[in-house]
Amino acid sequence: MNADDFGISPRTNQAILQAFLEGLISSATIMANMPGFDDACRLVHEYGLRRRIGLHLNFTDGSPLSSEIADCPAWCDGYGGWRRQRAVLKLSTEEARLLETEIAAQVMACERRGITPTHWDSHHHMHTQVAIAPIVIRAAKSFGVQALRLGPNCGPGRAGASNIHRVAARVHRSLYNARLRFHGLAKTEYFGDADDTREVIRTSSADTEVMVHPSFDMHGRLIDLDGQDLRTRIEDLSIPVGQMCSYYDVHPQFAVSVA
C-alpha cells in the first residue's frame, strides 16, 4: 500500500504520516524537487521510516533539480519549470542525457539526506512513457534499485476513453511491464489504485501494489485523491492481517542497499 506524493507539501506530508501511524499504508514515495521535501526527510528519520521510502520521480510538476534541463524546451517552459503531463514518444540524444542527469540529481538529493529509496515510481506515471521508460530502467539498474512500479494492469481503465485508446494503452502497458520483468525490476504482479485492485485482492494471492494519495479535506478528515475516506477505502479491500507490507519486507535483498 504505497502513498504517492510524499514531499509535495507539508500538509500532504502530515496526511501521509498519519496514514503510516494508523497502519493504512506500508510505504511512500518521496518527491525530491518539491517544497515539502526537507520536511518529509525530517519525518522519515524522526519516525524510523527509512526502509519504507521509495522515490517518486517527478518530471511534470515544480522545477527540476539540475540546471541544464531547465533550459531545454522539450522538458521545461520558459520559466524553467517542468512542462505538464504529456505523451513523450521520442527524445534526442541530448534530451535523454539531460533526463538521466535529472534522475541522478533526484536520487542524490535523497542520498544526501540519508534516504536510499527502496523502489521507484513517478508522478503521473511518466516513467512508463515510451521514450522515458528505457532511460529510467537504465538509471535504476545503475543505482542498484531493484523495483520499479508496473504500469496499471488491472481494473476497468480510464473512464471515458475510446475503445481504440483502451486497446492501445493496454498493449503499451503490457509491453512496458514485460520489459520490467525481463530486467528483473517487476516485484509485483499487479498495480493499480484501490478501485482497480479490489477484485484482484479479493480473488488472488498475487503480490499487488495499491496506490493511494493521502490528504486532508477541509474538516481534517484523511481522504484519498478522489475525496473518499481513506480508512474506509482501504478497509473495503479486506486485506488479510499481516499481508500489507513494503518492498523491503517482501524482498530481503533490499537490506543490502537500505540497511
C-alpha atoms as a PDB file:
ATOM      1  CA  MET A   1       0.000   0.000   0.000  1.00  0.00           C
ATOM      2  CA  ASN A   2       2.043   2.943  -1.304  1.00  0.00           C
ATOM      3  CA  ALA A   3       1.319   6.633  -0.722  1.00  0.00           C
ATOM      4  CA  ASP A   4       2.462   8.803  -3.615  1.00  0.00           C
ATOM      5  CA  ASP A   5       3.490  12.487  -3.410  1.00  0.00           C
ATOM      6  CA  PHE A   6       5.403  12.439  -0.113  1.00  0.00           C
ATOM      7  CA  GLY A   7       7.189  15.787  -0.091  1.00  0.00           C
ATOM      8  CA  ILE A   8       4.804  17.691  -2.338  1.00  0.00           C
ATOM      9  CA  SER A   9       3.787  19.884   0.631  1.00  0.00           C
ATOM     10  CA  PRO A  10       3.992  19.841   4.447  1.00  0.00           C
ATOM     11  CA  ARG A  11       0.220  19.294   4.664  1.00  0.00           C
ATOM     12  CA  THR A  12       0.354  16.227   2.434  1.00  0.00           C
ATOM     13  CA  ASN A  13       3.331  15.002   4.453  1.00  0.00           C
ATOM     14  CA  GLN A  14       1.222  15.133   7.616  1.00  0.00           C
ATOM     15  CA  ALA A  15      -1.549  13.173   5.915  1.00  0.00           C
ATOM     16  CA  ILE A  16       0.923  10.510   4.806  1.00  0.00           C
ATOM     17  CA  LEU A  17       2.476  10.366   8.271  1.00  0.00           C
ATOM     18  CA  GLN A  18      -0.962   9.880   9.821  1.00  0.00           C
ATOM     19  CA  ALA A  19      -1.674   7.103   7.326  1.00  0.00           C
ATOM     20  CA  PHE A  20       1.577   5.414   8.375  1.00  0.00           C
ATOM     21  CA  LEU A  21       0.787   5.770  12.073  1.00  0.00           C
ATOM     22  CA  GLU A  22      -2.718   4.345  11.605  1.00  0.00           C
ATOM     23  CA  GLY A  23      -1.375   1.368   9.637  1.00  0.00           C
ATOM     24  CA  LEU A  24      -3.213   2.366   6.449  1.00  0.00           C
ATOM     25  CA  ILE A  25      -0.102   2.350   4.249  1.00  0.00           C
ATOM     26  CA  SER A  26       3.133   0.388   4.248  1.00  0.00           C
ATOM     27  CA  SER A  27       5.344   2.626   2.089  1.00  0.00           C
ATOM     28  CA  ALA A  28       5.524   6.029   0.438  1.00  0.00           C
ATOM     29  CA  THR A  29       7.431   7.543  -2.456  1.00  0.00           C
ATOM     30  CA  ILE A  30       9.145  10.875  -1.968  1.00  0.00           C
ATOM     31  CA  MET A  31       9.408  13.851  -4.361  1.00  0.00           C
ATOM     32  CA  ALA A  32      12.904  15.326  -4.216  1.00  0.00           C
ATOM     33  CA  ASN A  33      12.152  18.576  -6.047  1.00  0.00           C
ATOM     34  CA  MET A  34       9.034  19.790  -4.258  1.00  0.00           C
ATOM     35  CA  PRO A  35       8.561  22.304  -1.400  1.00  0.00           C
ATOM     36  CA  GLY A  36       7.853  19.700   1.276  1.00  0.00           C
ATOM     37  CA  PHE A  37      10.913  17.532   0.585  1.00  0.00           C
ATOM     38  CA  ASP A  38      13.026  18.663   3.539  1.00  0.00           C
ATOM     39  CA  ASP A  39      10.048  18.279   5.874  1.00  0.00           C
ATOM     40  CA  ALA A  40       9.386  14.784   4.516  1.00  0.00           C
ATOM     41  CA  CYS A  41      13.023  13.785   5.076  1.00  0.00           C
ATOM     42  CA  ARG A  42      12.804  15.015   8.661  1.00  0.00           C
ATOM     43  CA  LEU A  43       9.704  12.874   9.256  1.00  0.00           C
ATOM     44  CA  VAL A  44      11.359   9.816   7.698  1.00  0.00           C
ATOM     45  CA  HIS A  45      14.189   9.947  10.236  1.00  0.00           C
ATOM     46  CA  GLU A  46      12.077  11.080  13.176  1.00  0.00           C
ATOM     47  CA  TYR A  47       9.615   8.207  12.768  1.00  0.00           C
ATOM     48  CA  GLY A  48      12.010   5.497  11.553  1.00  0.00           C
ATOM     49  CA  LEU A  49      10.516   5.168   8.071  1.00  0.00           C
ATOM     50  CA  ARG A  50      13.751   4.900   6.098  1.00  0.00           C
ATOM     51  CA  ARG A  51      13.106   1.327   4.918  1.00  0.00           C
ATOM     52  CA  ARG A  52       9.642   2.223   3.686  1.00  0.00           C
ATOM     53  CA  ILE A  53      10.516   5.082   1.362  1.00  0.00           C
ATOM     54  CA  GLY A  54      10.860   4.966  -2.410  1.00  0.00           C
ATOM     55  CA  LEU A  55      11.464   7.726  -4.951  1.00  0.00           C
ATOM     56  CA  HIS A  56       8.584   9.434  -6.781  1.00  0.00           C
ATOM     57  CA  LEU A  57      10.417  10.664  -9.876  1.00  0.00           C
ATOM     58  CA  ASN A  58       8.970  13.980 -10.965  1.00  0.00           C
ATOM     59  CA  PHE A  59       9.202  15.376 -14.488  1.00  0.00           C
ATOM     60  CA  THR A  60       5.898  17.285 -14.617  1.00  0.00           C
ATOM     61  CA  ASP A  61       5.462  19.435 -11.501  1.00  0.00           C
ATOM     62  CA  GLY A  62       7.559  22.209  -9.962  1.00  0.00           C
ATOM     63  CA  SER A  63      11.104  22.746 -11.234  1.00  0.00           C
ATOM     64  CA  PRO A  64      13.968  20.334 -11.914  1.00  0.00           C
ATOM     65  CA  LEU A  65      16.976  19.999  -9.622  1.00  0.00           C
ATOM     66  CA  SER A  66      19.569  20.023 -12.414  1.00  0.00           C
ATOM     67  CA  SER A  67      20.284  23.331 -14.123  1.00  0.00           C
ATOM     68  CA  GLU A  68      20.871  22.209 -17.713  1.00  0.00           C
ATOM     69  CA  ILE A  69      17.476  20.613 -18.224  1.00  0.00           C
ATOM     70  CA  ALA A  70      15.741  23.797 -17.082  1.00  0.00           C
ATOM     71  CA  ASP A  71      16.944  25.445 -20.303  1.00  0.00           C
ATOM     72  CA  CYS A  72      15.696  22.622 -22.538  1.00  0.00           C
ATOM     73  CA  PRO A  73      12.339  23.467 -24.202  1.00  0.00           C
ATOM     74  CA  ALA A  74      11.487  19.806 -24.647  1.00  0.00           C
ATOM     75  CA  TRP A  75      11.336  19.435 -20.865  1.00  0.00           C
ATOM     76  CA  CYS A  76      10.755  22.855 -19.357  1.00  0.00           C
ATOM     77  CA  ASP A  77       8.855  26.046 -20.080  1.00  0.00           C
ATOM     78  CA  GLY A  78      10.337  29.498 -20.487  1.00  0.00           C
ATOM     79  CA  TYR A  79      10.408  29.954 -16.699  1.00  0.00           C
ATOM     80  CA  GLY A  80      12.452  26.819 -16.011  1.00  0.00           C
ATOM     81  CA  GLY A  81       9.508  24.814 -14.681  1.00  0.00           C
ATOM     82  CA  TRP A  82       8.534  21.342 -15.848  1.00  0.00           C
ATOM     83  CA  ARG A  83       6.082  21.049 -18.708  1.00  0.00           C
ATOM     84  CA  ARG A  84       2.836  19.378 -17.719  1.00  0.00           C
ATOM     85  CA  GLN A  85       1.909  15.712 -18.177  1.00  0.00           C
ATOM     86  CA  ARG A  86       2.056  14.664 -21.822  1.00  0.00           C
ATOM     87  CA  ALA A  87       2.979  11.820 -24.154  1.00  0.00           C
ATOM     88  CA  VAL A  88       6.733  11.521 -24.731  1.00  0.00           C
ATOM     89  CA  LEU A  89       7.266   9.298 -27.741  1.00  0.00           C
ATOM     90  CA  LYS A  90      10.731  10.351 -28.869  1.00  0.00           C
ATOM     91  CA  LEU A  91      13.774  12.095 -27.394  1.00  0.00           C
ATOM     92  CA  SER A  92      17.006  13.284 -28.928  1.00  0.00           C
ATOM     93  CA  THR A  93      20.295  12.008 -27.540  1.00  0.00           C
ATOM     94  CA  GLU A  94      20.779  15.315 -25.722  1.00  0.00           C
ATOM     95  CA  GLU A  95      17.246  15.347 -24.282  1.00  0.00           C
ATOM     96  CA  ALA A  96      17.761  11.812 -22.993  1.00  0.00           C
ATOM     97  CA  ARG A  97      21.109  12.774 -21.441  1.00  0.00           C
ATOM     98  CA  LEU A  98      19.534  15.714 -19.650  1.00  0.00           C
ATOM     99  CA  LEU A  99      16.825  13.466 -18.211  1.00  0.00           C
ATOM    100  CA  GLU A 100      19.412  10.974 -16.954  1.00  0.00           C
ATOM    101  CA  THR A 101      21.215  13.831 -15.230  1.00  0.00           C
ATOM    102  CA  GLU A 102      17.980  14.969 -13.591  1.00  0.00           C
ATOM    103  CA  ILE A 103      17.139  11.463 -12.401  1.00  0.00           C
ATOM    104  CA  ALA A 104      20.575  11.260 -10.791  1.00  0.00           C
ATOM    105  CA  ALA A 105      20.014  14.643  -9.139  1.00  0.00           C
ATOM    106  CA  GLN A 106      16.731  13.487  -7.604  1.00  0.00           C
ATOM    107  CA  VAL A 107      18.320  10.256  -6.358  1.00  0.00           C
ATOM    108  CA  MET A 108      21.305  12.049  -4.873  1.00  0.00           C
ATOM    109  CA  ALA A 109      19.070  14.592  -3.124  1.00  0.00           C
ATOM    110  CA  CYS A 110      17.614  11.654  -1.203  1.00  0.00           C
ATOM    111  CA  GLU A 111      21.003  10.072  -0.559  1.00  0.00           C
ATOM    112  CA  ARG A 112      22.391  13.315   0.876  1.00  0.00           C
ATOM    113  CA  ARG A 113      19.598  13.229   3.441  1.00  0.00           C
ATOM    114  CA  GLY A 114      20.290   9.643   4.437  1.00  0.00           C
ATOM    115  CA  ILE A 115      17.490   8.047   2.383  1.00  0.00           C
ATOM    116  CA  THR A 116      18.239   5.266  -0.111  1.00  0.00           C
ATOM    117  CA  PRO A 117      14.948   4.649  -1.943  1.00  0.00           C
ATOM    118  CA  THR A 118      13.825   1.017  -1.924  1.00  0.00           C
ATOM    119  CA  HIS A 119      11.822   1.414  -5.139  1.00  0.00           C
ATOM    120  CA  TRP A 120      10.949   3.966  -7.813  1.00  0.00           C
ATOM    121  CA  ASP A 121       7.733   5.159  -9.402  1.00  0.00           C
ATOM    122  CA  SER A 122       6.820   8.539 -10.873  1.00  0.00           C
ATOM    123  CA  HIS A 123       4.434  11.464 -10.796  1.00  0.00           C
ATOM    124  CA  HIS A 124       1.705  10.948 -13.412  1.00  0.00           C
ATOM    125  CA  HIS A 125       3.302   7.579 -14.347  1.00  0.00           C
ATOM    126  CA  MET A 126       5.785   9.369 -16.607  1.00  0.00           C
ATOM    127  CA  HIS A 127       8.334   6.575 -16.137  1.00  0.00           C
ATOM    128  CA  THR A 128       6.101   4.369 -18.304  1.00  0.00           C
ATOM    129  CA  GLN A 129       6.183   6.743 -21.296  1.00  0.00           C
ATOM    130  CA  VAL A 130       7.632   5.193 -24.467  1.00  0.00           C
ATOM    131  CA  ALA A 131      10.756   7.347 -24.667  1.00  0.00           C
ATOM    132  CA  ILE A 132      11.268   7.719 -20.924  1.00  0.00           C
ATOM    133  CA  ALA A 133      10.932   4.082 -19.812  1.00  0.00           C
ATOM    134  CA  PRO A 134      14.295   2.828 -21.147  1.00  0.00           C
ATOM    135  CA  ILE A 135      16.101   5.783 -19.554  1.00  0.00           C
ATOM    136  CA  VAL A 136      14.514   5.138 -16.151  1.00  0.00           C
ATOM    137  CA  ILE A 137      15.218   1.406 -16.372  1.00  0.00           C
ATOM    138  CA  ARG A 138      18.852   2.055 -17.215  1.00  0.00           C
ATOM    139  CA  ALA A 139      19.164   4.561 -14.372  1.00  0.00           C
ATOM    140  CA  ALA A 140      17.501   2.211 -11.885  1.00  0.00           C
ATOM    141  CA  LYS A 141      19.944  -0.553 -12.721  1.00  0.00           C
ATOM    142  CA  SER A 142      22.920   1.802 -12.475  1.00  0.00           C
ATOM    143  CA  PHE A 143      21.818   2.897  -8.982  1.00  0.00           C
ATOM    144  CA  GLY A 144      21.133  -0.673  -7.854  1.00  0.00           C
ATOM    145  CA  VAL A 145      17.386  -0.105  -7.490  1.00  0.00           C
ATOM    146  CA  GLN A 146      15.603  -3.433  -7.582  1.00  0.00           C
ATOM    147  CA  ALA A 147      11.968  -2.450  -8.107  1.00  0.00           C
ATOM    148  CA  LEU A 148      10.109  -0.151 -10.485  1.00  0.00           C
ATOM    149  CA  ARG A 149       6.358   0.301 -10.425  1.00  0.00           C
ATOM    150  CA  LEU A 150       4.386  -1.550 -13.075  1.00  0.00           C
ATOM    151  CA  GLY A 151       2.072   0.224 -15.440  1.00  0.00           C
ATOM    152  CA  PRO A 152      -1.563  -0.167 -14.282  1.00  0.00           C
ATOM    153  CA  ASN A 153      -2.663  -3.661 -15.298  1.00  0.00           C
ATOM    154  CA  CYS A 154      -5.973  -4.311 -13.564  1.00  0.00           C
ATOM    155  CA  GLY A 155      -9.333  -2.625 -13.135  1.00  0.00           C
ATOM    156  CA  PRO A 156     -11.658  -1.024 -15.677  1.00  0.00           C
ATOM    157  CA  GLY A 157      -9.227   1.530 -17.112  1.00  0.00           C
ATOM    158  CA  ARG A 158      -9.711   5.251 -17.638  1.00  0.00           C
ATOM    159  CA  ALA A 159     -13.341   6.338 -17.731  1.00  0.00           C
ATOM    160  CA  GLY A 160     -14.440   7.937 -20.988  1.00  0.00           C
ATOM    161  CA  ALA A 161     -11.595   6.523 -23.081  1.00  0.00           C
ATOM    162  CA  SER A 162     -12.430   5.215 -26.549  1.00  0.00           C
ATOM    163  CA  ASN A 163     -12.068   1.530 -27.339  1.00  0.00           C
ATOM    164  CA  ILE A 164      -9.086   2.285 -29.567  1.00  0.00           C
ATOM    165  CA  HIS A 165      -7.392   4.221 -26.777  1.00  0.00           C
ATOM    166  CA  ARG A 166      -8.113   1.442 -24.273  1.00  0.00           C
ATOM    167  CA  VAL A 167      -6.581  -1.201 -26.541  1.00  0.00           C
ATOM    168  CA  ALA A 168      -3.514   0.940 -27.346  1.00  0.00           C
ATOM    169  CA  ALA A 169      -2.975   1.733 -23.664  1.00  0.00           C
ATOM    170  CA  ARG A 170      -3.338  -1.914 -22.695  1.00  0.00           C
ATOM    171  CA  VAL A 171      -0.795  -3.015 -25.304  1.00  0.00           C
ATOM    172  CA  HIS A 172       1.676  -0.314 -24.240  1.00  0.00           C
ATOM    173  CA  ARG A 173       1.371  -1.209 -20.548  1.00  0.00           C
ATOM    174  CA  SER A 174       1.785  -4.912 -21.313  1.00  0.00           C
ATOM    175  CA  LEU A 175       4.971  -4.263 -23.289  1.00  0.00           C
ATOM    176  CA  TYR A 176       6.330  -1.972 -20.601  1.00  0.00           C
ATOM    177  CA  ASN A 177       5.566  -4.474 -17.827  1.00  0.00           C
ATOM    178  CA  ALA A 178       7.167  -7.261 -19.848  1.00  0.00           C
ATOM    179  CA  ARG A 179      10.291  -5.116 -20.169  1.00  0.00           C
ATOM    180  CA  LEU A 180      10.378  -4.605 -16.390  1.00  0.00           C
ATOM    181  CA  ARG A 181      10.091  -8.348 -15.831  1.00  0.00           C
ATOM    182  CA  PHE A 182      12.879  -9.005 -18.341  1.00  0.00           C
ATOM    183  CA  HIS A 183      15.159  -6.691 -16.360  1.00  0.00           C
ATOM    184  CA  GLY A 184      14.090  -8.176 -13.013  1.00  0.00           C
ATOM    185  CA  LEU A 185      12.554  -4.904 -11.836  1.00  0.00           C
ATOM    186  CA  ALA A 186       8.912  -6.016 -11.564  1.00  0.00           C
ATOM    187  CA  LYS A 187       8.422  -7.180  -7.990  1.00  0.00           C
ATOM    188  CA  THR A 188       4.618  -7.335  -8.019  1.00  0.00           C
ATOM    189  CA  GLU A 189       2.182  -8.978 -10.398  1.00  0.00           C
ATOM    190  CA  TYR A 190      -0.421  -6.210 -10.324  1.00  0.00           C
ATOM    191  CA  PHE A 191      -0.601  -2.461  -9.805  1.00  0.00           C
ATOM    192  CA  GLY A 192      -3.483  -0.003  -9.612  1.00  0.00           C
ATOM    193  CA  ASP A 193      -5.427   2.237  -7.274  1.00  0.00           C
ATOM    194  CA  ALA A 194      -7.835   0.925  -4.639  1.00  0.00           C
ATOM    195  CA  ASP A 195     -10.708   0.577  -7.111  1.00  0.00           C
ATOM    196  CA  ASP A 196      -8.543  -1.123  -9.746  1.00  0.00           C
ATOM    197  CA  THR A 197      -7.106  -3.707  -7.388  1.00  0.00           C
ATOM    198  CA  ARG A 198     -10.191  -4.625  -5.345  1.00  0.00           C
ATOM    199  CA  GLU A 199     -11.128  -7.676  -7.436  1.00  0.00           C
ATOM    200  CA  VAL A 200      -7.532  -8.879  -7.718  1.00  0.00           C
ATOM    201  CA  ILE A 201      -7.068  -8.719  -3.949  1.00  0.00           C
ATOM    202  CA  ARG A 202     -10.406 -10.459  -3.367  1.00  0.00           C
ATOM    203  CA  THR A 203      -9.740 -13.368  -5.751  1.00  0.00           C
ATOM    204  CA  SER A 204      -5.951 -13.765  -5.818  1.00  0.00           C
ATOM    205  CA  SER A 205      -2.947 -14.092  -3.535  1.00  0.00           C
ATOM    206  CA  ALA A 206      -0.683 -12.361  -6.061  1.00  0.00           C
ATOM    207  CA  ASP A 207       1.630  -9.583  -4.878  1.00  0.00           C
ATOM    208  CA  THR A 208      -0.180  -6.339  -5.679  1.00  0.00           C
ATOM    209  CA  GLU A 209       0.843  -2.712  -5.258  1.00  0.00           C
ATOM    210  CA  VAL A 210      -2.032  -0.382  -4.366  1.00  0.00           C
ATOM    211  CA  MET A 211      -1.525   3.338  -4.944  1.00  0.00           C
ATOM    212  CA  VAL A 212      -3.135   5.939  -2.679  1.00  0.00           C
ATOM    213  CA  HIS A 213      -2.745   9.708  -2.294  1.00  0.00           C
ATOM    214  CA  PRO A 214      -3.448  10.635   1.342  1.00  0.00           C
ATOM    215  CA  SER A 215      -4.562  14.184   2.050  1.00  0.00           C
ATOM    216  CA  PHE A 216      -6.915  16.061   4.384  1.00  0.00           C
ATOM    217  CA  ASP A 217     -10.278  17.510   3.486  1.00  0.00           C
ATOM    218  CA  MET A 218     -11.445  20.880   4.827  1.00  0.00           C
ATOM    219  CA  HIS A 219     -12.596  19.178   8.051  1.00  0.00           C
ATOM    220  CA  GLY A 220      -9.254  17.453   8.675  1.00  0.00           C
ATOM    221  CA  ARG A 221     -10.544  14.026   7.602  1.00  0.00           C
ATOM    222  CA  LEU A 222      -7.981  11.721   5.983  1.00  0.00           C
ATOM    223  CA  ILE A 223      -9.034  11.137   2.366  1.00  0.00           C
ATOM    224  CA  ASP A 224      -7.731   9.718  -0.907  1.00  0.00           C
ATOM    225  CA  LEU A 225      -7.276  11.619  -4.161  1.00  0.00           C
ATOM    226  CA  ASP A 226     -10.937  11.324  -5.161  1.00  0.00           C
ATOM    227  CA  GLY A 227     -12.167  12.613  -1.787  1.00  0.00           C
ATOM    228  CA  GLN A 228     -13.212   9.243  -0.373  1.00  0.00           C
ATOM    229  CA  ASP A 229     -12.432   8.440   3.257  1.00  0.00           C
ATOM    230  CA  LEU A 230      -9.032   6.734   3.159  1.00  0.00           C
ATOM    231  CA  ARG A 231      -9.559   4.338   6.054  1.00  0.00           C
ATOM    232  CA  THR A 232     -12.905   3.148   4.661  1.00  0.00           C
ATOM    233  CA  ARG A 233     -11.403   2.746   1.218  1.00  0.00           C
ATOM    234  CA  ILE A 234      -8.557   0.571   2.490  1.00  0.00           C
ATOM    235  CA  GLU A 235     -10.740  -1.436   4.865  1.00  0.00           C
ATOM    236  CA  ASP A 236     -13.038  -2.214   1.922  1.00  0.00           C
ATOM    237  CA  LEU A 237     -10.147  -4.050   0.271  1.00  0.00           C
ATOM    238  CA  SER A 238     -10.251  -6.616   3.122  1.00  0.00           C
ATOM    239  CA  ILE A 239      -6.505  -7.194   3.035  1.00  0.00           C
ATOM    240  CA  PRO A 240      -5.721 -10.144   5.349  1.00  0.00           C
ATOM    241  CA  VAL A 241      -3.993  -9.293   8.611  1.00  0.00           C
ATOM    242  CA  GLY A 242      -0.230  -9.310   8.167  1.00  0.00           C
ATOM    243  CA  GLN A 243      -0.397  -9.189   4.376  1.00  0.00           C
ATOM    244  CA  MET A 244       0.188  -5.444   3.971  1.00  0.00           C
ATOM    245  CA  CYS A 245       3.918  -4.915   3.599  1.00  0.00           C
ATOM    246  CA  SER A 246       6.603  -2.841   1.887  1.00  0.00           C
ATOM    247  CA  TYR A 247       9.044  -3.771  -0.854  1.00  0.00           C
ATOM    248  CA  TYR A 248      11.681  -4.079   1.861  1.00  0.00           C
ATOM    249  CA  ASP A 249       9.531  -6.576   3.806  1.00  0.00           C
ATOM    250  CA  VAL A 250       8.868  -8.810   0.805  1.00  0.00           C
ATOM    251  CA  HIS A 251      12.343  -8.820  -0.700  1.00  0.00           C
ATOM    252  CA  PRO A 252      15.193  -9.238   1.805  1.00  0.00           C
ATOM    253  CA  GLN A 253      17.762  -8.276  -0.868  1.00  0.00           C
ATOM    254  CA  PHE A 254      16.766  -4.664  -0.236  1.00  0.00           C
ATOM    255  CA  ALA A 255      18.663  -4.955   3.046  1.00  0.00           C
ATOM    256  CA  VAL A 256      21.885  -4.603   1.039  1.00  0.00           C
ATOM    257  CA  SER A 257      21.013  -1.093  -0.113  1.00  0.00           C
ATOM    258  CA  VAL A 258      18.957   0.362   2.732  1.00  0.00           C
ATOM    259  CA  ALA A 259      20.195  -1.270   5.942  1.00  0.00           C
END
